[in-house]
Amino acid sequence: MRDLRNRTSQVIDAVRAGERVVLTVHGEAIADIVPHAQRSRWVSGDLLRRELADWAADPGLREDLDELAGQTLVEL
């Protein structure tokens, strides 16, 4: 904490440069100071559909879940 207070501008410069800084108190890691992620405020519909398709669950998952619905752990 003392270093953070005494060297705040250096810590901020390091984080701006992409470094992750670990904040410690008496040698115990308390928090990570990390660069803020860059995000776009607007995504086109086509890009959103492509991204969602890449992250979609296994197509058979719905059938598997429907099969298991209502069963207890004992029945599984």
PDB file of N, CA and C in Angstrom:
ATOM      1  N   MET A   1       0.829  -1.198   0.000  1.00  0.00           N
ATOM      2  CA  MET A   1       0.000   0.000   0.000  1.00  0.00           C
ATOM      3  C   MET A   1       0.869   1.256   0.000  1.00  0.00           C
ATOM      4  N   ARG A   2       1.950   1.223   0.775  1.00  0.00           N
ATOM      5  CA  ARG A   2       2.804   2.405   0.859  1.00  0.00           C
ATOM      6  C   ARG A   2       3.382   2.740  -0.515  1.00  0.00           C
ATOM      7  N   ASP A   3       3.849   1.701  -1.231  1.00  0.00           N
ATOM      8  CA  ASP A   3       4.386   1.950  -2.576  1.00  0.00           C
ATOM      9  C   ASP A   3       3.326   2.528  -3.500  1.00  0.00           C
ATOM     10  N   LEU A   4       2.112   2.032  -3.392  1.00  0.00           N
ATOM     11  CA  LEU A   4       1.029   2.560  -4.232  1.00  0.00           C
ATOM     12  C   LEU A   4       0.806   4.033  -3.933  1.00  0.00           C
ATOM     13  N   ARG A   5       0.774   4.376  -2.656  1.00  0.00           N
ATOM     14  CA  ARG A   5       0.566   5.776  -2.278  1.00  0.00           C
ATOM     15  C   ARG A   5       1.734   6.650  -2.752  1.00  0.00           C
ATOM     16  N   ASN A   6       2.950   6.149  -2.596  1.00  0.00           N
ATOM     17  CA  ASN A   6       4.125   6.951  -2.949  1.00  0.00           C
ATOM     18  C   ASN A   6       4.446   6.953  -4.440  1.00  0.00           C
ATOM     19  N   ARG A   7       3.975   5.934  -5.145  1.00  0.00           N
ATOM     20  CA  ARG A   7       4.331   5.818  -6.565  1.00  0.00           C
ATOM     21  C   ARG A   7       3.101   5.646  -7.451  1.00  0.00           C
ATOM     22  N   THR A   8       2.029   6.319  -7.100  1.00  0.00           N
ATOM     23  CA  THR A   8       0.766   6.170  -7.833  1.00  0.00           C
ATOM     24  C   THR A   8       0.928   6.407  -9.325  1.00  0.00           C
ATOM     25  N   SER A   9       1.623   7.454  -9.710  1.00  0.00           N
ATOM     26  CA  SER A   9       1.756   7.761 -11.145  1.00  0.00           C
ATOM     27  C   SER A   9       2.542   6.667 -11.863  1.00  0.00           C
ATOM     28  N   GLN A  10       3.534   6.075 -11.217  1.00  0.00           N
ATOM     29  CA  GLN A  10       4.289   4.985 -11.848  1.00  0.00           C
ATOM     30  C   GLN A  10       3.418   3.739 -12.007  1.00  0.00           C
ATOM     31  N   VAL A  11       2.590   3.462 -11.013  1.00  0.00           N
ATOM     32  CA  VAL A  11       1.681   2.314 -11.100  1.00  0.00           C
ATOM     33  C   VAL A  11       0.692   2.527 -12.236  1.00  0.00           C
ATOM     34  N   ILE A  12       0.133   3.720 -12.311  1.00  0.00           N
ATOM     35  CA  ILE A  12      -0.819   4.018 -13.389  1.00  0.00           C
ATOM     36  C   ILE A  12      -0.140   3.897 -14.752  1.00  0.00           C
ATOM     37  N   ASP A  13       1.084   4.396 -14.877  1.00  0.00           N
ATOM     38  CA  ASP A  13       1.815   4.265 -16.138  1.00  0.00           C
ATOM     39  C   ASP A  13       2.039   2.803 -16.506  1.00  0.00           C
ATOM     40  N   ALA A  14       2.375   1.986 -15.507  1.00  0.00           N
ATOM     41  CA  ALA A  14       2.598   0.558 -15.757  1.00  0.00           C
ATOM     42  C   ALA A  14       1.317  -0.119 -16.229  1.00  0.00           C
ATOM     43  N   VAL A  15       0.201   0.201 -15.582  1.00  0.00           N
ATOM     44  CA  VAL A  15      -1.077  -0.391 -15.975  1.00  0.00           C
ATOM     45  C   VAL A  15      -1.473   0.085 -17.369  1.00  0.00           C
ATOM     46  N   ARG A  16      -1.255   1.344 -17.650  1.00  0.00           N
ATOM     47  CA  ARG A  16      -1.535   1.865 -19.003  1.00  0.00           C
ATOM     48  C   ARG A  16      -0.717   1.140 -20.058  1.00  0.00           C
ATOM     49  N   ALA A  17       0.486   0.727 -19.678  1.00  0.00           N
ATOM     50  CA  ALA A  17       1.371   0.016 -20.608  1.00  0.00           C
ATOM     51  C   ALA A  17       0.981  -1.458 -20.751  1.00  0.00           C
ATOM     52  N   GLY A  18      -0.056  -1.868 -20.020  1.00  0.00           N
ATOM     53  CA  GLY A  18      -0.553  -3.232 -20.166  1.00  0.00           C
ATOM     54  C   GLY A  18      -0.141  -4.167 -19.041  1.00  0.00           C
ATOM     55  N   GLU A  19       0.573  -3.678 -18.047  1.00  0.00           N
ATOM     56  CA  GLU A  19       1.000  -4.535 -16.937  1.00  0.00           C
ATOM     57  C   GLU A  19      -0.123  -4.753 -15.935  1.00  0.00           C
ATOM     58  N   ARG A  20      -0.073  -5.880 -15.268  1.00  0.00           N
ATOM     59  CA  ARG A  20      -0.973  -6.190 -14.159  1.00  0.00           C
ATOM     60  C   ARG A  20      -0.171  -5.931 -12.886  1.00  0.00           C
ATOM     61  N   VAL A  21      -0.720  -5.173 -11.965  1.00  0.00           N
ATOM     62  CA  VAL A  21      -0.050  -4.839 -10.713  1.00  0.00           C
ATOM     63  C   VAL A  21      -0.819  -5.501  -9.579  1.00  0.00           C
ATOM     64  N   VAL A  22      -0.104  -6.205  -8.701  1.00  0.00           N
ATOM     65  CA  VAL A  22      -0.730  -6.862  -7.563  1.00  0.00           C
ATOM     66  C   VAL A  22      -0.585  -5.955  -6.344  1.00  0.00           C
ATOM     67  N   LEU A  23      -1.710  -5.616  -5.738  1.00  0.00           N
ATOM     68  CA  LEU A  23      -1.734  -4.797  -4.532  1.00  0.00           C
ATOM     69  C   LEU A  23      -1.628  -5.723  -3.332  1.00  0.00           C
ATOM     70  N   THR A  24      -0.636  -5.488  -2.473  1.00  0.00           N
ATOM     71  CA  THR A  24      -0.457  -6.330  -1.295  1.00  0.00           C
ATOM     72  C   THR A  24      -0.507  -5.485  -0.031  1.00  0.00           C
ATOM     73  N   VAL A  25      -0.922  -6.108   1.052  1.00  0.00           N
ATOM     74  CA  VAL A  25      -0.905  -5.493   2.370  1.00  0.00           C
ATOM     75  C   VAL A  25      -0.174  -6.475   3.287  1.00  0.00           C
ATOM     76  N   HIS A  26       0.943  -6.047   3.820  1.00  0.00           N
ATOM     77  CA  HIS A  26       1.781  -6.907   4.663  1.00  0.00           C
ATOM     78  C   HIS A  26       2.122  -8.211   3.953  1.00  0.00           C
ATOM     79  N   GLY A  27       2.406  -8.127   2.650  1.00  0.00           N
ATOM     80  CA  GLY A  27       2.810  -9.290   1.872  1.00  0.00           C
ATOM     81  C   GLY A  27       1.675 -10.163   1.372  1.00  0.00           C
ATOM     82  N   GLU A  28       0.449  -9.867   1.748  1.00  0.00           N
ATOM     83  CA  GLU A  28      -0.703 -10.655   1.305  1.00  0.00           C
ATOM     84  C   GLU A  28      -1.362  -9.978   0.106  1.00  0.00           C
ATOM     85  N   ALA A  29      -1.502 -10.719  -0.993  1.00  0.00           N
ATOM     86  CA  ALA A  29      -2.142 -10.177  -2.191  1.00  0.00           C
ATOM     87  C   ALA A  29      -3.601  -9.856  -1.886  1.00  0.00           C
ATOM     88  N   ILE A  30      -3.996  -8.619  -2.151  1.00  0.00           N
ATOM     89  CA  ILE A  30      -5.350  -8.149  -1.859  1.00  0.00           C
ATOM     90  C   ILE A  30      -6.165  -7.914  -3.133  1.00  0.00           C
ATOM     91  N   ALA A  31      -5.503  -7.370  -4.152  1.00  0.00           N
ATOM     92  CA  ALA A  31      -6.237  -7.038  -5.374  1.00  0.00           C
ATOM     93  C   ALA A  31      -5.276  -6.971  -6.548  1.00  0.00           C
ATOM     94  N   ASP A  32      -5.824  -7.104  -7.739  1.00  0.00           N
ATOM     95  CA  ASP A  32      -5.070  -6.905  -8.977  1.00  0.00           C
ATOM     96  C   ASP A  32      -5.522  -5.596  -9.599  1.00  0.00           C
ATOM     97  N   ILE A  33      -4.569  -4.795 -10.012  1.00  0.00           N
ATOM     98  CA  ILE A  33      -4.874  -3.575 -10.763  1.00  0.00           C
ATOM     99  C   ILE A  33      -4.515  -3.903 -12.203  1.00  0.00           C
ATOM    100  N   VAL A  34      -5.512  -3.941 -13.050  1.00  0.00           N
ATOM    101  CA  VAL A  34      -5.316  -4.396 -14.428  1.00  0.00           C
ATOM    102  C   VAL A  34      -5.820  -3.339 -15.407  1.00  0.00           C
ATOM    103  N   PRO A  35      -5.283  -3.360 -16.621  1.00  0.00           N
ATOM    104  CA  PRO A  35      -5.770  -2.414 -17.627  1.00  0.00           C
ATOM    105  C   PRO A  35      -7.257  -2.660 -17.910  1.00  0.00           C
ATOM    106  N   HIS A  36      -7.970  -1.608 -18.095  1.00  0.00           N
ATOM    107  CA  HIS A  36      -9.386  -1.711 -18.431  1.00  0.00           C
ATOM    108  C   HIS A  36      -9.510  -2.264 -19.840  1.00  0.00           C
ATOM    109  N   ALA A  37     -10.414  -3.216 -20.015  1.00  0.00           N
ATOM    110  CA  ALA A  37     -10.610  -3.833 -21.331  1.00  0.00           C
ATOM    111  C   ALA A  37     -11.218  -2.831 -22.298  1.00  0.00           C
ATOM    112  N   GLN A  38     -10.756  -2.877 -23.516  1.00  0.00           N
ATOM    113  CA  GLN A  38     -11.326  -2.039 -24.568  1.00  0.00           C
ATOM    114  C   GLN A  38     -12.588  -2.712 -25.083  1.00  0.00           C
ATOM    115  N   ARG A  39     -13.678  -1.990 -25.115  1.00  0.00           N
ATOM    116  CA  ARG A  39     -14.938  -2.532 -25.622  1.00  0.00           C
ATOM    117  C   ARG A  39     -15.524  -1.563 -26.632  1.00  0.00           C
ATOM    118  N   SER A  40     -16.137  -2.130 -27.635  1.00  0.00           N
ATOM    119  CA  SER A  40     -16.861  -1.269 -28.558  1.00  0.00           C
ATOM    120  C   SER A  40     -18.253  -1.038 -27.988  1.00  0.00           C
ATOM    121  N   ARG A  41     -18.790   0.121 -28.213  1.00  0.00           N
ATOM    122  CA  ARG A  41     -20.097   0.442 -27.662  1.00  0.00           C
ATOM    123  C   ARG A  41     -21.220  -0.093 -28.539  1.00  0.00           C
ATOM    124  N   TRP A  42     -20.912  -0.416 -29.786  1.00  0.00           N
ATOM    125  CA  TRP A  42     -21.943  -0.869 -30.696  1.00  0.00           C
ATOM    126  C   TRP A  42     -21.388  -2.013 -31.525  1.00  0.00           C
ATOM    127  N   VAL A  43     -22.173  -3.050 -31.711  1.00  0.00           N
ATOM    128  CA  VAL A  43     -21.775  -4.201 -32.519  1.00  0.00           C
ATOM    129  C   VAL A  43     -22.843  -4.403 -33.576  1.00  0.00           C
ATOM    130  N   SER A  44     -22.408  -4.620 -34.798  1.00  0.00           N
ATOM    131  CA  SER A  44     -23.381  -4.831 -35.876  1.00  0.00           C
ATOM    132  C   SER A  44     -24.112  -6.154 -35.658  1.00  0.00           C
ATOM    133  N   GLY A  45     -25.313  -6.248 -36.215  1.00  0.00           N
ATOM    134  CA  GLY A  45     -26.109  -7.468 -36.089  1.00  0.00           C
ATOM    135  C   GLY A  45     -25.400  -8.676 -36.673  1.00  0.00           C
ATOM    136  N   ASP A  46     -24.737  -8.505 -37.818  1.00  0.00           N
ATOM    137  CA  ASP A  46     -24.025  -9.630 -38.440  1.00  0.00           C
ATOM    138  C   ASP A  46     -22.893 -10.131 -37.542  1.00  0.00           C
ATOM    139  N   LEU A  47     -22.122  -9.206 -36.981  1.00  0.00           N
ATOM    140  CA  LEU A  47     -21.029  -9.596 -36.095  1.00  0.00           C
ATOM    141  C   LEU A  47     -21.580 -10.284 -34.850  1.00  0.00           C
ATOM    142  N   LEU A  48     -22.648  -9.762 -34.290  1.00  0.00           N
ATOM    143  CA  LEU A  48     -23.248 -10.363 -33.105  1.00  0.00           C
ATOM    144  C   LEU A  48     -23.703 -11.792 -33.399  1.00  0.00           C
ATOM    145  N   ARG A  49     -24.359 -12.012 -34.532  1.00  0.00           N
ATOM    146  CA  ARG A  49     -24.820 -13.358 -34.893  1.00  0.00           C
ATOM    147  C   ARG A  49     -23.647 -14.318 -35.047  1.00  0.00           C
ATOM    148  N   ARG A  50     -22.555 -13.856 -35.685  1.00  0.00           N
ATOM    149  CA  ARG A  50     -21.366 -14.718 -35.843  1.00  0.00           C
ATOM    150  C   ARG A  50     -20.756 -15.057 -34.480  1.00  0.00           C
ATOM    151  N   GLU A  51     -20.641 -14.049 -33.618  1.00  0.00           N
ATOM    152  CA  GLU A  51     -20.063 -14.270 -32.284  1.00  0.00           C
ATOM    153  C   GLU A  51     -20.921 -15.249 -31.490  1.00  0.00           C
ATOM    154  N   LEU A  52     -22.240 -15.065 -31.516  1.00  0.00           N
ATOM    155  CA  LEU A  52     -23.125 -15.953 -30.774  1.00  0.00           C
ATOM    156  C   LEU A  52     -23.068 -17.375 -31.320  1.00  0.00           C
ATOM    157  N   ALA A  53     -22.942 -17.520 -32.630  1.00  0.00           N
ATOM    158  CA  ALA A  53     -22.849 -18.862 -33.220  1.00  0.00           C
ATOM    159  C   ALA A  53     -21.579 -19.561 -32.753  1.00  0.00           C
ATOM    160  N   ASP A  54     -20.488 -18.812 -32.632  1.00  0.00           N
ATOM    161  CA  ASP A  54     -19.226 -19.402 -32.174  1.00  0.00           C
ATOM    162  C   ASP A  54     -19.312 -19.849 -30.727  1.00  0.00           C
ATOM    163  N   TRP A  55     -20.124 -19.173 -29.921  1.00  0.00           N
ATOM    164  CA  TRP A  55     -20.218 -19.474 -28.495  1.00  0.00           C
ATOM    165  C   TRP A  55     -21.431 -20.330 -28.144  1.00  0.00           C
ATOM    166  N   ALA A  56     -22.167 -20.774 -29.144  1.00  0.00           N
ATOM    167  CA  ALA A  56     -23.382 -21.542 -28.896  1.00  0.00           C
ATOM    168  C   ALA A  56     -23.057 -22.882 -28.228  1.00  0.00           C
ATOM    169  N   ALA A  57     -23.985 -23.359 -27.424  1.00  0.00           N
ATOM    170  CA  ALA A  57     -23.817 -24.650 -26.759  1.00  0.00           C
ATOM    171  C   ALA A  57     -23.932 -25.777 -27.780  1.00  0.00           C
ATOM    172  N   ASP A  58     -23.515 -26.929 -27.364  1.00  0.00           N
ATOM    173  CA  ASP A  58     -23.626 -28.137 -28.177  1.00  0.00           C
ATOM    174  C   ASP A  58     -25.082 -28.304 -28.611  1.00  0.00           C
ATOM    175  N   PRO A  59     -25.340 -28.495 -29.918  1.00  0.00           N
ATOM    176  CA  PRO A  59     -26.724 -28.607 -30.395  1.00  0.00           C
ATOM    177  C   PRO A  59     -27.510 -29.725 -29.699  1.00  0.00           C
ATOM    178  N   GLY A  60     -26.849 -30.781 -29.274  1.00  0.00           N
ATOM    179  CA  GLY A  60     -27.535 -31.892 -28.618  1.00  0.00           C
ATOM    180  C   GLY A  60     -27.822 -31.631 -27.151  1.00  0.00           C
ATOM    181  N   LEU A  61     -27.328 -30.526 -26.625  1.00  0.00           N
ATOM    182  CA  LEU A  61     -27.506 -30.235 -25.215  1.00  0.00           C
ATOM    183  C   LEU A  61     -28.978 -30.107 -24.840  1.00  0.00           C
ATOM    184  N   ARG A  62     -29.770 -29.436 -25.671  1.00  0.00           N
ATOM    185  CA  ARG A  62     -31.185 -29.255 -25.356  1.00  0.00           C
ATOM    186  C   ARG A  62     -31.888 -30.605 -25.214  1.00  0.00           C
ATOM    187  N   GLU A  63     -31.627 -31.537 -26.126  1.00  0.00           N
ATOM    188  CA  GLU A  63     -32.255 -32.854 -26.035  1.00  0.00           C
ATOM    189  C   GLU A  63     -31.799 -33.577 -24.761  1.00  0.00           C
ATOM    190  N   ASP A  64     -30.503 -33.485 -24.443  1.00  0.00           N
ATOM    191  CA  ASP A  64     -29.987 -34.121 -23.223  1.00  0.00           C
ATOM    192  C   ASP A  64     -30.651 -33.541 -21.982  1.00  0.00           C
ATOM    193  N   LEU A  65     -30.786 -32.220 -21.945  1.00  0.00           N
ATOM    194  CA  LEU A  65     -31.418 -31.580 -20.792  1.00  0.00           C
ATOM    195  C   LEU A  65     -32.892 -31.938 -20.691  1.00  0.00           C
ATOM    196  N   ASP A  66     -33.582 -31.996 -21.834  1.00  0.00           N
ATOM    197  CA  ASP A  66     -34.990 -32.377 -21.827  1.00  0.00           C
ATOM    198  C   ASP A  66     -35.160 -33.799 -21.298  1.00  0.00           C
ATOM    199  N   GLU A  67     -34.233 -34.689 -21.670  1.00  0.00           N
ATOM    200  CA  GLU A  67     -34.270 -36.068 -21.208  1.00  0.00           C
ATOM    201  C   GLU A  67     -34.092 -36.152 -19.698  1.00  0.00           C
ATOM    202  N   LEU A  68     -33.212 -35.320 -19.169  1.00  0.00           N
ATOM    203  CA  LEU A  68     -32.898 -35.348 -17.743  1.00  0.00           C
ATOM    204  C   LEU A  68     -33.884 -34.561 -16.888  1.00  0.00           C
ATOM    205  N   ALA A  69     -34.652 -33.695 -17.501  1.00  0.00           N
ATOM    206  CA  ALA A  69     -35.559 -32.827 -16.745  1.00  0.00           C
ATOM    207  C   ALA A  69     -36.497 -33.655 -15.886  1.00  0.00           C
ATOM    208  N   GLY A  70     -36.613 -33.255 -14.632  1.00  0.00           N
ATOM    209  CA  GLY A  70     -37.526 -33.927 -13.726  1.00  0.00           C
ATOM    210  C   GLY A  70     -36.885 -35.078 -12.978  1.00  0.00           C
ATOM    211  N   GLN A  71     -35.708 -35.520 -13.390  1.00  0.00           N
ATOM    212  CA  GLN A  71     -35.055 -36.616 -12.693  1.00  0.00           C
ATOM    213  C   GLN A  71     -34.304 -36.094 -11.479  1.00  0.00           C
ATOM    214  N   THR A  72     -34.206 -36.911 -10.461  1.00  0.00           N
ATOM    215  CA  THR A  72     -33.416 -36.549  -9.289  1.00  0.00           C
ATOM    216  C   THR A  72     -32.008 -37.099  -9.452  1.00  0.00           C
ATOM    217  N   LEU A  73     -31.113 -36.681  -8.588  1.00  0.00           N
ATOM    218  CA  LEU A  73     -29.732 -37.172  -8.651  1.00  0.00           C
ATOM    219  C   LEU A  73     -29.693 -38.700  -8.458  1.00  0.00           C
ATOM    220  N   VAL A  74     -30.586 -39.217  -7.635  1.00  0.00           N
ATOM    221  CA  VAL A  74     -30.619 -40.662  -7.406  1.00  0.00           C
ATOM    222  C   VAL A  74     -30.971 -41.392  -8.701  1.00  0.00           C
ATOM    223  N   GLU A  75     -31.914 -40.835  -9.455  1.00  0.00           N
ATOM    224  CA  GLU A  75     -32.338 -41.463 -10.700  1.00  0.00           C
ATOM    225  C   GLU A  75     -31.277 -41.369 -11.789  1.00  0.00           C
ATOM    226  N   LEU A  76     -30.395 -40.390 -11.688  1.00  0.00           N
ATOM    227  CA  LEU A  76     -29.344 -40.235 -12.687  1.00  0.00           C
ATOM    228  C   LEU A  76     -28.333 -41.330 -12.499  1.00  0.00           C
TER     229      LEU A  76
END
